[in-house]
């Protein structure tokens, strides 16, 4: 439950602090192909797993 709360906090920081930057980034991401979005997701997933294992 704490991990989910942390994700919510981190996901909310950019739209709260810099809404224009967040909207611009979201627009650019929506223009990417499915393959590019999957690659970004894979990199994010792998980075999160790596960081999680380093913290343990």
PDB file of N, CA and C in Angstrom:
ATOM      1  N   UNK A   1       0.818  -1.187   0.000  1.00  0.00           N
ATOM      2  CA  UNK A   1       0.000   0.000   0.000  1.00  0.00           C
ATOM      3  C   UNK A   1       0.873   1.268   0.000  1.00  0.00           C
ATOM      4  N   UNK A   2       2.003   1.217   0.695  1.00  0.00           N
ATOM      5  CA  UNK A   2       2.901   2.366   0.723  1.00  0.00           C
ATOM      6  C   UNK A   2       3.495   2.632  -0.659  1.00  0.00           C
ATOM      7  N   UNK A   3       3.810   1.565  -1.388  1.00  0.00           N
ATOM      8  CA  UNK A   3       4.368   1.725  -2.732  1.00  0.00           C
ATOM      9  C   UNK A   3       3.353   2.403  -3.648  1.00  0.00           C
ATOM     10  N   UNK A   4       2.097   2.008  -3.546  1.00  0.00           N
ATOM     11  CA  UNK A   4       1.054   2.630  -4.365  1.00  0.00           C
ATOM     12  C   UNK A   4       0.905   4.107  -4.022  1.00  0.00           C
ATOM     13  N   UNK A   5       0.964   4.429  -2.729  1.00  0.00           N
ATOM     14  CA  UNK A   5       0.874   5.829  -2.305  1.00  0.00           C
ATOM     15  C   UNK A   5       2.047   6.630  -2.855  1.00  0.00           C
ATOM     16  N   UNK A   6       3.242   6.045  -2.829  1.00  0.00           N
ATOM     17  CA  UNK A   6       4.415   6.735  -3.360  1.00  0.00           C
ATOM     18  C   UNK A   6       4.284   6.975  -4.863  1.00  0.00           C
ATOM     19  N   UNK A   7       3.775   6.003  -5.587  1.00  0.00           N
ATOM     20  CA  UNK A   7       3.557   6.164  -7.027  1.00  0.00           C
ATOM     21  C   UNK A   7       2.574   7.308  -7.286  1.00  0.00           C
ATOM     22  N   UNK A   8       1.511   7.370  -6.512  1.00  0.00           N
ATOM     23  CA  UNK A   8       0.525   8.454  -6.677  1.00  0.00           C
ATOM     24  C   UNK A   8       1.157   9.817  -6.430  1.00  0.00           C
ATOM     25  N   UNK A   9       1.988   9.912  -5.398  1.00  0.00           N
ATOM     26  CA  UNK A   9       2.665  11.179  -5.099  1.00  0.00           C
ATOM     27  C   UNK A   9       3.594  11.562  -6.244  1.00  0.00           C
ATOM     28  N   UNK A  10       4.418  10.623  -6.694  1.00  0.00           N
ATOM     29  CA  UNK A  10       5.370  10.916  -7.761  1.00  0.00           C
ATOM     30  C   UNK A  10       4.672  11.251  -9.072  1.00  0.00           C
ATOM     31  N   UNK A  11       3.599  10.544  -9.386  1.00  0.00           N
ATOM     32  CA  UNK A  11       2.860  10.804 -10.621  1.00  0.00           C
ATOM     33  C   UNK A  11       2.146  12.149 -10.580  1.00  0.00           C
ATOM     34  N   UNK A  12       1.827  12.629  -9.394  1.00  0.00           N
ATOM     35  CA  UNK A  12       1.112  13.888  -9.271  1.00  0.00           C
ATOM     36  C   UNK A  12       1.997  15.114  -9.203  1.00  0.00           C
ATOM     37  N   UNK A  13       3.293  14.922  -9.002  1.00  0.00           N
ATOM     38  CA  UNK A  13       4.191  16.058  -8.847  1.00  0.00           C
ATOM     39  C   UNK A  13       4.264  16.941 -10.089  1.00  0.00           C
ATOM     40  N   UNK A  14       4.513  16.355 -11.234  1.00  0.00           N
ATOM     41  CA  UNK A  14       4.692  17.150 -12.453  1.00  0.00           C
ATOM     42  C   UNK A  14       3.420  17.884 -12.869  1.00  0.00           C
ATOM     43  N   UNK A  15       2.261  17.226 -12.916  1.00  0.00           N
ATOM     44  CA  UNK A  15       1.067  17.987 -13.306  1.00  0.00           C
ATOM     45  C   UNK A  15       0.715  19.093 -12.302  1.00  0.00           C
ATOM     46  N   UNK A  16       1.043  18.870 -11.036  1.00  0.00           N
ATOM     47  CA  UNK A  16       0.758  19.901 -10.032  1.00  0.00           C
ATOM     48  C   UNK A  16       1.720  21.077 -10.148  1.00  0.00           C
ATOM     49  N   UNK A  17       3.012  20.772 -10.266  1.00  0.00           N
ATOM     50  CA  UNK A  17       4.030  21.819 -10.258  1.00  0.00           C
ATOM     51  C   UNK A  17       4.164  22.529 -11.603  1.00  0.00           C
ATOM     52  N   UNK A  18       4.104  21.775 -12.696  1.00  0.00           N
ATOM     53  CA  UNK A  18       4.325  22.345 -14.031  1.00  0.00           C
ATOM     54  C   UNK A  18       3.286  21.806 -15.014  1.00  0.00           C
ATOM     55  N   UNK A  19       2.044  22.268 -14.914  1.00  0.00           N
ATOM     56  CA  UNK A  19       0.995  21.699 -15.775  1.00  0.00           C
ATOM     57  C   UNK A  19       1.242  21.885 -17.268  1.00  0.00           C
ATOM     58  N   UNK A  20       1.805  23.002 -17.676  1.00  0.00           N
ATOM     59  CA  UNK A  20       2.049  23.232 -19.107  1.00  0.00           C
ATOM     60  C   UNK A  20       3.100  22.261 -19.644  1.00  0.00           C
ATOM     61  N   UNK A  21       4.152  22.039 -18.872  1.00  0.00           N
ATOM     62  CA  UNK A  21       5.195  21.096 -19.280  1.00  0.00           C
ATOM     63  C   UNK A  21       4.619  19.690 -19.355  1.00  0.00           C
ATOM     64  N   UNK A  22       3.790  19.330 -18.381  1.00  0.00           N
ATOM     65  CA  UNK A  22       3.183  17.998 -18.348  1.00  0.00           C
ATOM     66  C   UNK A  22       2.281  17.789 -19.571  1.00  0.00           C
ATOM     67  N   UNK A  23       1.465  18.788 -19.901  1.00  0.00           N
ATOM     68  CA  UNK A  23       0.584  18.662 -21.067  1.00  0.00           C
ATOM     69  C   UNK A  23       1.386  18.548 -22.355  1.00  0.00           C
ATOM     70  N   UNK A  24       2.462  19.304 -22.470  1.00  0.00           N
ATOM     71  CA  UNK A  24       3.321  19.237 -23.654  1.00  0.00           C
ATOM     72  C   UNK A  24       3.953  17.845 -23.774  1.00  0.00           C
ATOM     73  N   UNK A  25       4.467  17.327 -22.671  1.00  0.00           N
ATOM     74  CA  UNK A  25       5.071  15.997 -22.684  1.00  0.00           C
ATOM     75  C   UNK A  25       4.031  14.941 -23.036  1.00  0.00           C
ATOM     76  N   UNK A  26       2.841  15.059 -22.488  1.00  0.00           N
ATOM     77  CA  UNK A  26       1.772  14.091 -22.757  1.00  0.00           C
ATOM     78  C   UNK A  26       1.378  14.129 -24.234  1.00  0.00           C
ATOM     79  N   UNK A  27       1.334  15.315 -24.820  1.00  0.00           N
ATOM     80  CA  UNK A  27       1.013  15.450 -26.243  1.00  0.00           C
ATOM     81  C   UNK A  27       2.083  14.776 -27.098  1.00  0.00           C
ATOM     82  N   UNK A  28       3.355  14.996 -26.748  1.00  0.00           N
ATOM     83  CA  UNK A  28       4.446  14.374 -27.508  1.00  0.00           C
ATOM     84  C   UNK A  28       4.410  12.855 -27.382  1.00  0.00           C
ATOM     85  N   UNK A  29       4.131  12.366 -26.197  1.00  0.00           N
ATOM     86  CA  UNK A  29       4.065  10.914 -25.986  1.00  0.00           C
ATOM     87  C   UNK A  29       2.919  10.306 -26.789  1.00  0.00           C
ATOM     88  N   UNK A  30       1.804  11.019 -26.880  1.00  0.00           N
ATOM     89  CA  UNK A  30       0.648  10.475 -27.606  1.00  0.00           C
ATOM     90  C   UNK A  30       0.920  10.357 -29.109  1.00  0.00           C
ATOM     91  N   UNK A  31       1.941  11.066 -29.607  1.00  0.00           N
ATOM     92  CA  UNK A  31       2.290  10.994 -31.026  1.00  0.00           C
ATOM     93  C   UNK A  31       3.232   9.835 -31.351  1.00  0.00           C
ATOM     94  N   UNK A  32       3.775   9.186 -30.331  1.00  0.00           N
ATOM     95  CA  UNK A  32       4.699   8.070 -30.564  1.00  0.00           C
ATOM     96  C   UNK A  32       3.946   6.845 -31.065  1.00  0.00           C
ATOM     97  N   UNK A  33       4.645   5.986 -31.782  1.00  0.00           N
ATOM     98  CA  UNK A  33       4.031   4.738 -32.240  1.00  0.00           C
ATOM     99  C   UNK A  33       3.896   3.787 -31.055  1.00  0.00           C
ATOM    100  N   UNK A  34       3.083   2.756 -31.219  1.00  0.00           N
ATOM    101  CA  UNK A  34       2.896   1.767 -30.155  1.00  0.00           C
ATOM    102  C   UNK A  34       4.213   1.105 -29.769  1.00  0.00           C
ATOM    103  N   UNK A  35       5.044   0.824 -30.762  1.00  0.00           N
ATOM    104  CA  UNK A  35       6.333   0.198 -30.486  1.00  0.00           C
ATOM    105  C   UNK A  35       7.236   1.086 -29.644  1.00  0.00           C
ATOM    106  N   UNK A  36       7.228   2.381 -29.924  1.00  0.00           N
ATOM    107  CA  UNK A  36       8.041   3.320 -29.156  1.00  0.00           C
ATOM    108  C   UNK A  36       7.531   3.433 -27.716  1.00  0.00           C
ATOM    109  N   UNK A  37       6.220   3.458 -27.560  1.00  0.00           N
ATOM    110  CA  UNK A  37       5.639   3.520 -26.216  1.00  0.00           C
ATOM    111  C   UNK A  37       5.977   2.249 -25.444  1.00  0.00           C
ATOM    112  N   UNK A  38       5.901   1.101 -26.101  1.00  0.00           N
ATOM    113  CA  UNK A  38       6.256  -0.159 -25.438  1.00  0.00           C
ATOM    114  C   UNK A  38       7.721  -0.164 -25.019  1.00  0.00           C
ATOM    115  N   UNK A  39       8.603   0.375 -25.869  1.00  0.00           N
ATOM    116  CA  UNK A  39      10.024   0.425 -25.542  1.00  0.00           C
ATOM    117  C   UNK A  39      10.259   1.305 -24.313  1.00  0.00           C
ATOM    118  N   UNK A  40       9.611   2.456 -24.266  1.00  0.00           N
ATOM    119  CA  UNK A  40       9.727   3.334 -23.099  1.00  0.00           C
ATOM    120  C   UNK A  40       9.200   2.619 -21.856  1.00  0.00           C
ATOM    121  N   UNK A  41       8.091   1.913 -22.002  1.00  0.00           N
ATOM    122  CA  UNK A  41       7.544   1.149 -20.880  1.00  0.00           C
ATOM    123  C   UNK A  41       8.493   0.057 -20.422  1.00  0.00           C
ATOM    124  N   UNK A  42       9.131  -0.612 -21.360  1.00  0.00           N
ATOM    125  CA  UNK A  42      10.085  -1.672 -21.028  1.00  0.00           C
ATOM    126  C   UNK A  42      11.285  -1.101 -20.279  1.00  0.00           C
ATOM    127  N   UNK A  43      11.805   0.019 -20.751  1.00  0.00           N
ATOM    128  CA  UNK A  43      12.941   0.663 -20.078  1.00  0.00           C
ATOM    129  C   UNK A  43      12.537   1.095 -18.666  1.00  0.00           C
ATOM    130  N   UNK A  44      11.358   1.658 -18.525  1.00  0.00           N
ATOM    131  CA  UNK A  44      10.874   2.088 -17.212  1.00  0.00           C
ATOM    132  C   UNK A  44      10.699   0.894 -16.278  1.00  0.00           C
ATOM    133  N   UNK A  45      10.131  -0.164 -16.793  1.00  0.00           N
ATOM    134  CA  UNK A  45       9.936  -1.382 -16.005  1.00  0.00           C
ATOM    135  C   UNK A  45      11.264  -1.969 -15.562  1.00  0.00           C
ATOM    136  N   UNK A  46      12.198  -2.084 -16.482  1.00  0.00           N
ATOM    137  CA  UNK A  46      13.510  -2.644 -16.155  1.00  0.00           C
ATOM    138  C   UNK A  46      14.255  -1.761 -15.150  1.00  0.00           C
ATOM    139  N   UNK A  47      14.161  -0.451 -15.319  1.00  0.00           N
ATOM    140  CA  UNK A  47      14.814   0.465 -14.384  1.00  0.00           C
ATOM    141  C   UNK A  47      14.220   0.332 -12.992  1.00  0.00           C
ATOM    142  N   UNK A  48      12.901   0.235 -12.917  1.00  0.00           N
ATOM    143  CA  UNK A  48      12.244   0.085 -11.623  1.00  0.00           C
ATOM    144  C   UNK A  48      12.630  -1.205 -10.925  1.00  0.00           C
ATOM    145  N   UNK A  49      12.707  -2.293 -11.687  1.00  0.00           N
ATOM    146  CA  UNK A  49      13.117  -3.579 -11.104  1.00  0.00           C
ATOM    147  C   UNK A  49      14.556  -3.506 -10.616  1.00  0.00           C
ATOM    148  N   UNK A  50      15.430  -2.912 -11.418  1.00  0.00           N
ATOM    149  CA  UNK A  50      16.824  -2.758 -11.045  1.00  0.00           C
ATOM    150  C   UNK A  50      16.972  -1.917  -9.775  1.00  0.00           C
ATOM    151  N   UNK A  51      16.285  -0.777  -9.733  1.00  0.00           N
ATOM    152  CA  UNK A  51      16.348   0.075  -8.541  1.00  0.00           C
ATOM    153  C   UNK A  51      15.781  -0.627  -7.326  1.00  0.00           C
ATOM    154  N   UNK A  52      14.691  -1.360  -7.502  1.00  0.00           N
ATOM    155  CA  UNK A  52      14.085  -2.088  -6.397  1.00  0.00           C
ATOM    156  C   UNK A  52      15.057  -3.121  -5.838  1.00  0.00           C
ATOM    157  N   UNK A  53      15.749  -3.812  -6.710  1.00  0.00           N
ATOM    158  CA  UNK A  53      16.726  -4.821  -6.255  1.00  0.00           C
ATOM    159  C   UNK A  53      17.930  -4.173  -5.595  1.00  0.00           C
ATOM    160  N   UNK A  54      18.312  -2.988  -6.020  1.00  0.00           N
ATOM    161  CA  UNK A  54      19.442  -2.300  -5.411  1.00  0.00           C
ATOM    162  C   UNK A  54      19.097  -1.820  -3.991  1.00  0.00           C
ATOM    163  N   UNK A  55      17.851  -1.471  -3.757  1.00  0.00           N
ATOM    164  CA  UNK A  55      17.413  -0.956  -2.467  1.00  0.00           C
ATOM    165  C   UNK A  55      17.300  -2.063  -1.435  1.00  0.00           C
ATOM    166  N   UNK A  56      16.908  -3.232  -1.872  1.00  0.00           N
ATOM    167  CA  UNK A  56      16.702  -4.344  -0.936  1.00  0.00           C
ATOM    168  C   UNK A  56      17.912  -4.689  -0.168  1.00  0.00           C
TER     169      UNK A  56
END
